[in-house]
């Protein structure tokens, strides 16, 4: 399986390492910042690194030729329709909520703000609408009383993301396809940034 990885920061690096342990071919790593730790990890492993021309978008020219799948890991860039079409299976990402609940950049913060007793993670198909693609895998976790968004991410949601991404990658390697079930729009909520 040939993968283009789009991402950043710690979650990007842990995803990079998880993919390498699964012996998939990481053909290219796409980052928004050439000094990002994911870029450094990829360069150290001898893997081509491309910096996005526009930090808001990843375009088809930035995807490795003959990619089977695009995987995003802590990327806030939109993967264009042409870029998704350039990979045989399209693209998947991890969202730290039980989609369609808490679509948006501040999902974990909204989980805490709303007092949700459970949280979760979703591997979803990248699509035109943010966080709205079909679900490939999903699992829930309890939220501890008094837990901050960062504590919930580090304790439960980041490790869950690695586990679910790995399971979907394993499925794709065997079946040459991805699981997909549509999100139920009647339960969709938005999680815009709380900064302000």
C-alpha atoms as a PDB file:
ATOM      1  CA  UNK A   1       0.000   0.000   0.000  1.00  0.00           C
ATOM      2  CA  UNK A   2       1.387   3.363  -1.097  1.00  0.00           C
ATOM      3  CA  UNK A   3       0.433   6.294   1.119  1.00  0.00           C
ATOM      4  CA  UNK A   4       0.818  10.065   1.035  1.00  0.00           C
ATOM      5  CA  UNK A   5       0.809  11.350   4.622  1.00  0.00           C
ATOM      6  CA  UNK A   6      -0.380  14.918   5.252  1.00  0.00           C
ATOM      7  CA  UNK A   7       0.114  16.176   8.772  1.00  0.00           C
ATOM      8  CA  UNK A   8       2.013  17.904  11.520  1.00  0.00           C
ATOM      9  CA  UNK A   9       3.230  17.838  15.068  1.00  0.00           C
ATOM     10  CA  UNK A  10       3.281  14.944  17.505  1.00  0.00           C
ATOM     11  CA  UNK A  11       0.217  13.149  16.120  1.00  0.00           C
ATOM     12  CA  UNK A  12       1.727  13.368  12.628  1.00  0.00           C
ATOM     13  CA  UNK A  13       4.944  11.748  13.878  1.00  0.00           C
ATOM     14  CA  UNK A  14       3.159   8.970  15.807  1.00  0.00           C
ATOM     15  CA  UNK A  15       1.040   8.260  12.709  1.00  0.00           C
ATOM     16  CA  UNK A  16       4.197   8.214  10.564  1.00  0.00           C
ATOM     17  CA  UNK A  17       5.775   5.682  12.951  1.00  0.00           C
ATOM     18  CA  UNK A  18       2.600   3.554  13.087  1.00  0.00           C
ATOM     19  CA  UNK A  19       2.457   3.413   9.270  1.00  0.00           C
ATOM     20  CA  UNK A  20       6.120   2.404   9.060  1.00  0.00           C
ATOM     21  CA  UNK A  21       5.537  -0.388  11.611  1.00  0.00           C
ATOM     22  CA  UNK A  22       2.742  -1.656   9.342  1.00  0.00           C
ATOM     23  CA  UNK A  23       5.229  -1.753   6.453  1.00  0.00           C
ATOM     24  CA  UNK A  24       3.223   0.440   4.132  1.00  0.00           C
ATOM     25  CA  UNK A  25       5.090   2.531   1.577  1.00  0.00           C
ATOM     26  CA  UNK A  26       5.005   6.154   2.711  1.00  0.00           C
ATOM     27  CA  UNK A  27       5.686   7.694  -0.678  1.00  0.00           C
ATOM     28  CA  UNK A  28       5.588  11.336   0.400  1.00  0.00           C
ATOM     29  CA  UNK A  29       4.969  13.492   3.464  1.00  0.00           C
ATOM     30  CA  UNK A  30       3.158  16.810   2.993  1.00  0.00           C
ATOM     31  CA  UNK A  31       3.484  19.503   5.679  1.00  0.00           C
ATOM     32  CA  UNK A  32       2.492  23.158   6.032  1.00  0.00           C
ATOM     33  CA  UNK A  33       5.769  24.091   7.789  1.00  0.00           C
ATOM     34  CA  UNK A  34       9.156  22.823   6.602  1.00  0.00           C
ATOM     35  CA  UNK A  35      10.459  22.902  10.199  1.00  0.00           C
ATOM     36  CA  UNK A  36       7.624  20.772  11.594  1.00  0.00           C
ATOM     37  CA  UNK A  37       8.680  17.688  13.569  1.00  0.00           C
ATOM     38  CA  UNK A  38       6.872  15.420  11.061  1.00  0.00           C
ATOM     39  CA  UNK A  39       9.009  16.902   8.259  1.00  0.00           C
ATOM     40  CA  UNK A  40      12.147  16.221  10.327  1.00  0.00           C
ATOM     41  CA  UNK A  41      11.099  12.602  10.996  1.00  0.00           C
ATOM     42  CA  UNK A  42      10.375  11.986   7.311  1.00  0.00           C
ATOM     43  CA  UNK A  43      13.668  13.532   6.165  1.00  0.00           C
ATOM     44  CA  UNK A  44      15.558  11.423   8.733  1.00  0.00           C
ATOM     45  CA  UNK A  45      13.914   8.319   7.227  1.00  0.00           C
ATOM     46  CA  UNK A  46      14.819   9.385   3.679  1.00  0.00           C
ATOM     47  CA  UNK A  47      11.228  10.084   2.649  1.00  0.00           C
ATOM     48  CA  UNK A  48      10.377  12.977   0.334  1.00  0.00           C
ATOM     49  CA  UNK A  49       8.886  16.004   2.097  1.00  0.00           C
ATOM     50  CA  UNK A  50       6.775  18.618   0.318  1.00  0.00           C
ATOM     51  CA  UNK A  51       5.682  21.908   1.868  1.00  0.00           C
ATOM     52  CA  UNK A  52       2.177  22.952   0.841  1.00  0.00           C
ATOM     53  CA  UNK A  53       2.155  25.917  -1.537  1.00  0.00           C
ATOM     54  CA  UNK A  54      -0.978  27.142   0.271  1.00  0.00           C
ATOM     55  CA  UNK A  55      -1.338  26.264   3.986  1.00  0.00           C
ATOM     56  CA  UNK A  56      -5.137  26.003   3.567  1.00  0.00           C
ATOM     57  CA  UNK A  57      -5.096  23.412   0.764  1.00  0.00           C
ATOM     58  CA  UNK A  58      -3.322  20.277  -0.422  1.00  0.00           C
ATOM     59  CA  UNK A  59      -3.475  20.043  -4.216  1.00  0.00           C
ATOM     60  CA  UNK A  60      -3.112  17.075  -6.557  1.00  0.00           C
ATOM     61  CA  UNK A  61       0.476  17.994  -7.529  1.00  0.00           C
ATOM     62  CA  UNK A  62       1.501  17.579  -3.870  1.00  0.00           C
ATOM     63  CA  UNK A  63       0.226  13.981  -3.679  1.00  0.00           C
ATOM     64  CA  UNK A  64       2.701  11.211  -4.573  1.00  0.00           C
ATOM     65  CA  UNK A  65       2.012   9.612  -7.964  1.00  0.00           C
ATOM     66  CA  UNK A  66       0.223   6.237  -7.761  1.00  0.00           C
ATOM     67  CA  UNK A  67      -0.836   6.752  -4.147  1.00  0.00           C
ATOM     68  CA  UNK A  68      -3.370   4.215  -2.915  1.00  0.00           C
ATOM     69  CA  UNK A  69      -4.472   6.410  -0.024  1.00  0.00           C
ATOM     70  CA  UNK A  70      -4.026   9.859   1.480  1.00  0.00           C
ATOM     71  CA  UNK A  71      -3.856   9.856   5.290  1.00  0.00           C
ATOM     72  CA  UNK A  72      -4.158  13.090   7.257  1.00  0.00           C
ATOM     73  CA  UNK A  73      -2.809  13.351  10.799  1.00  0.00           C
ATOM     74  CA  UNK A  74      -3.197  16.703  12.547  1.00  0.00           C
ATOM     75  CA  UNK A  75      -3.669  18.656   9.341  1.00  0.00           C
ATOM     76  CA  UNK A  76      -6.033  21.600   9.102  1.00  0.00           C
ATOM     77  CA  UNK A  77      -5.617  21.858   5.321  1.00  0.00           C
ATOM     78  CA  UNK A  78      -8.431  20.895   2.985  1.00  0.00           C
ATOM     79  CA  UNK A  79      -7.485  18.122   0.561  1.00  0.00           C
ATOM     80  CA  UNK A  80      -8.875  19.272  -2.788  1.00  0.00           C
ATOM     81  CA  UNK A  81     -11.267  17.110  -4.795  1.00  0.00           C
ATOM     82  CA  UNK A  82      -8.546  16.695  -7.486  1.00  0.00           C
ATOM     83  CA  UNK A  83      -6.017  15.597  -4.863  1.00  0.00           C
ATOM     84  CA  UNK A  84      -8.467  13.009  -3.446  1.00  0.00           C
ATOM     85  CA  UNK A  85      -9.189  11.751  -6.959  1.00  0.00           C
ATOM     86  CA  UNK A  86      -5.463  11.188  -7.540  1.00  0.00           C
ATOM     87  CA  UNK A  87      -5.327   8.424  -4.881  1.00  0.00           C
ATOM     88  CA  UNK A  88      -7.010   5.085  -5.648  1.00  0.00           C
ATOM     89  CA  UNK A  89      -8.936   4.942  -2.347  1.00  0.00           C
ATOM     90  CA  UNK A  90      -9.201   8.700  -1.741  1.00  0.00           C
ATOM     91  CA  UNK A  91      -8.296   9.947   1.701  1.00  0.00           C
ATOM     92  CA  UNK A  92      -9.027   9.390   5.380  1.00  0.00           C
ATOM     93  CA  UNK A  93      -8.495  11.411   8.509  1.00  0.00           C
ATOM     94  CA  UNK A  94      -8.948  11.084  12.252  1.00  0.00           C
ATOM     95  CA  UNK A  95     -11.380  13.348  14.069  1.00  0.00           C
ATOM     96  CA  UNK A  96     -11.424  13.318  17.898  1.00  0.00           C
ATOM     97  CA  UNK A  97     -15.186  13.120  18.289  1.00  0.00           C
ATOM     98  CA  UNK A  98     -18.066  10.780  17.620  1.00  0.00           C
ATOM     99  CA  UNK A  99     -18.934  12.238  14.226  1.00  0.00           C
ATOM    100  CA  UNK A 100     -21.250  13.758  13.219  1.00  0.00           C
ATOM    101  CA  UNK A 101     -21.114  15.368  16.688  1.00  0.00           C
ATOM    102  CA  UNK A 102     -18.582  18.195  17.137  1.00  0.00           C
ATOM    103  CA  UNK A 103     -17.486  18.732  13.531  1.00  0.00           C
ATOM    104  CA  UNK A 104     -14.773  21.359  13.457  1.00  0.00           C
ATOM    105  CA  UNK A 105     -11.417  22.464  14.777  1.00  0.00           C
ATOM    106  CA  UNK A 106     -12.287  22.461  18.502  1.00  0.00           C
ATOM    107  CA  UNK A 107     -14.004  19.074  18.905  1.00  0.00           C
ATOM    108  CA  UNK A 108     -12.330  18.124  22.185  1.00  0.00           C
ATOM    109  CA  UNK A 109     -12.843  21.572  23.707  1.00  0.00           C
ATOM    110  CA  UNK A 110     -16.565  21.364  22.848  1.00  0.00           C
ATOM    111  CA  UNK A 111     -16.758  17.845  24.308  1.00  0.00           C
ATOM    112  CA  UNK A 112     -15.532  19.318  27.622  1.00  0.00           C
ATOM    113  CA  UNK A 113     -17.598  22.544  27.341  1.00  0.00           C
ATOM    114  CA  UNK A 114     -20.811  20.565  26.703  1.00  0.00           C
ATOM    115  CA  UNK A 115     -20.076  18.215  29.606  1.00  0.00           C
ATOM    116  CA  UNK A 116     -20.262  15.125  27.392  1.00  0.00           C
ATOM    117  CA  UNK A 117     -19.809  11.992  29.558  1.00  0.00           C
ATOM    118  CA  UNK A 118     -18.374  10.124  26.597  1.00  0.00           C
ATOM    119  CA  UNK A 119     -16.103  11.194  23.765  1.00  0.00           C
ATOM    120  CA  UNK A 120     -14.650   9.246  20.936  1.00  0.00           C
ATOM    121  CA  UNK A 121     -12.743   9.140  17.728  1.00  0.00           C
ATOM    122  CA  UNK A 122     -13.723   8.655  14.127  1.00  0.00           C
ATOM    123  CA  UNK A 123     -11.778   7.670  11.035  1.00  0.00           C
ATOM    124  CA  UNK A 124     -13.700   9.312   8.222  1.00  0.00           C
ATOM    125  CA  UNK A 125     -13.437   9.670   4.458  1.00  0.00           C
ATOM    126  CA  UNK A 126     -12.190  13.099   3.422  1.00  0.00           C
ATOM    127  CA  UNK A 127     -14.922  14.928   1.501  1.00  0.00           C
ATOM    128  CA  UNK A 128     -15.916  18.353   0.244  1.00  0.00           C
ATOM    129  CA  UNK A 129     -17.605  19.291   3.511  1.00  0.00           C
ATOM    130  CA  UNK A 130     -15.491  19.478   6.645  1.00  0.00           C
ATOM    131  CA  UNK A 131     -15.617  16.320   8.785  1.00  0.00           C
ATOM    132  CA  UNK A 132     -18.713  15.145   6.876  1.00  0.00           C
ATOM    133  CA  UNK A 133     -17.416  12.127   4.916  1.00  0.00           C
ATOM    134  CA  UNK A 134     -18.477   8.534   5.469  1.00  0.00           C
ATOM    135  CA  UNK A 135     -17.293   6.817   8.649  1.00  0.00           C
ATOM    136  CA  UNK A 136     -14.662   4.083   8.266  1.00  0.00           C
ATOM    137  CA  UNK A 137     -14.215   3.327  11.996  1.00  0.00           C
ATOM    138  CA  UNK A 138     -15.452   4.772  15.261  1.00  0.00           C
ATOM    139  CA  UNK A 139     -15.052   4.032  18.959  1.00  0.00           C
ATOM    140  CA  UNK A 140     -15.955   5.800  22.206  1.00  0.00           C
ATOM    141  CA  UNK A 141     -14.192   6.493  25.511  1.00  0.00           C
ATOM    142  CA  UNK A 142     -15.365   7.848  28.858  1.00  0.00           C
ATOM    143  CA  UNK A 143     -14.503  11.417  29.835  1.00  0.00           C
ATOM    144  CA  UNK A 144     -13.113  11.737  33.381  1.00  0.00           C
ATOM    145  CA  UNK A 145     -14.705  14.338  35.654  1.00  0.00           C
ATOM    146  CA  UNK A 146     -12.651  17.538  35.639  1.00  0.00           C
ATOM    147  CA  UNK A 147     -10.495  16.428  32.710  1.00  0.00           C
ATOM    148  CA  UNK A 148      -9.165  19.162  30.409  1.00  0.00           C
ATOM    149  CA  UNK A 149      -9.243  18.903  26.613  1.00  0.00           C
ATOM    150  CA  UNK A 150      -5.477  18.331  26.533  1.00  0.00           C
ATOM    151  CA  UNK A 151      -5.667  15.611  29.217  1.00  0.00           C
ATOM    152  CA  UNK A 152      -8.477  13.836  27.351  1.00  0.00           C
ATOM    153  CA  UNK A 153      -6.516  14.027  24.080  1.00  0.00           C
ATOM    154  CA  UNK A 154      -3.296  12.681  25.604  1.00  0.00           C
ATOM    155  CA  UNK A 155      -4.903  10.009  27.808  1.00  0.00           C
ATOM    156  CA  UNK A 156      -7.476   8.586  25.429  1.00  0.00           C
ATOM    157  CA  UNK A 157      -8.160  10.262  22.099  1.00  0.00           C
ATOM    158  CA  UNK A 158      -4.660  10.377  20.560  1.00  0.00           C
ATOM    159  CA  UNK A 159      -3.976   6.674  21.348  1.00  0.00           C
ATOM    160  CA  UNK A 160      -7.472   5.802  20.069  1.00  0.00           C
ATOM    161  CA  UNK A 161      -6.698   7.638  16.826  1.00  0.00           C
ATOM    162  CA  UNK A 162      -3.565   5.560  16.280  1.00  0.00           C
ATOM    163  CA  UNK A 163      -5.452   2.330  16.999  1.00  0.00           C
ATOM    164  CA  UNK A 164      -8.340   3.149  14.651  1.00  0.00           C
ATOM    165  CA  UNK A 165      -6.083   4.419  11.855  1.00  0.00           C
ATOM    166  CA  UNK A 166      -4.054   1.218  12.099  1.00  0.00           C
ATOM    167  CA  UNK A 167      -7.188  -0.938  11.902  1.00  0.00           C
ATOM    168  CA  UNK A 168      -8.467   0.911   8.828  1.00  0.00           C
ATOM    169  CA  UNK A 169      -5.052   0.701   7.128  1.00  0.00           C
ATOM    170  CA  UNK A 170      -4.938  -3.055   7.838  1.00  0.00           C
ATOM    171  CA  UNK A 171      -8.449  -3.426   6.390  1.00  0.00           C
ATOM    172  CA  UNK A 172      -7.473  -1.458   3.273  1.00  0.00           C
ATOM    173  CA  UNK A 173      -4.355  -3.598   2.743  1.00  0.00           C
ATOM    174  CA  UNK A 174      -6.429  -6.800   2.815  1.00  0.00           C
ATOM    175  CA  UNK A 175      -9.595  -5.663   1.013  1.00  0.00           C
ATOM    176  CA  UNK A 176      -8.219  -2.930  -1.301  1.00  0.00           C
ATOM    177  CA  UNK A 177     -11.163  -0.805  -0.143  1.00  0.00           C
ATOM    178  CA  UNK A 178     -12.297   1.140   2.912  1.00  0.00           C
ATOM    179  CA  UNK A 179     -15.280   0.582   5.196  1.00  0.00           C
ATOM    180  CA  UNK A 180     -17.850   3.358   4.774  1.00  0.00           C
ATOM    181  CA  UNK A 181     -21.159   4.213   6.389  1.00  0.00           C
ATOM    182  CA  UNK A 182     -22.766   7.624   5.968  1.00  0.00           C
ATOM    183  CA  UNK A 183     -22.984  10.072   8.845  1.00  0.00           C
ATOM    184  CA  UNK A 184     -26.485  10.800  10.110  1.00  0.00           C
ATOM    185  CA  UNK A 185     -26.873  14.524   9.435  1.00  0.00           C
ATOM    186  CA  UNK A 186     -29.701  14.975  11.946  1.00  0.00           C
ATOM    187  CA  UNK A 187     -27.136  14.570  14.756  1.00  0.00           C
ATOM    188  CA  UNK A 188     -24.491  16.904  13.314  1.00  0.00           C
ATOM    189  CA  UNK A 189     -23.169  19.662  15.596  1.00  0.00           C
ATOM    190  CA  UNK A 190     -20.430  22.196  14.952  1.00  0.00           C
ATOM    191  CA  UNK A 191     -17.323  22.780  17.059  1.00  0.00           C
ATOM    192  CA  UNK A 192     -15.831  26.097  15.939  1.00  0.00           C
ATOM    193  CA  UNK A 193     -12.783  27.559  17.630  1.00  0.00           C
ATOM    194  CA  UNK A 194     -13.444  28.796  21.163  1.00  0.00           C
ATOM    195  CA  UNK A 195     -10.561  31.275  21.011  1.00  0.00           C
ATOM    196  CA  UNK A 196     -11.697  34.809  20.904  1.00  0.00           C
END
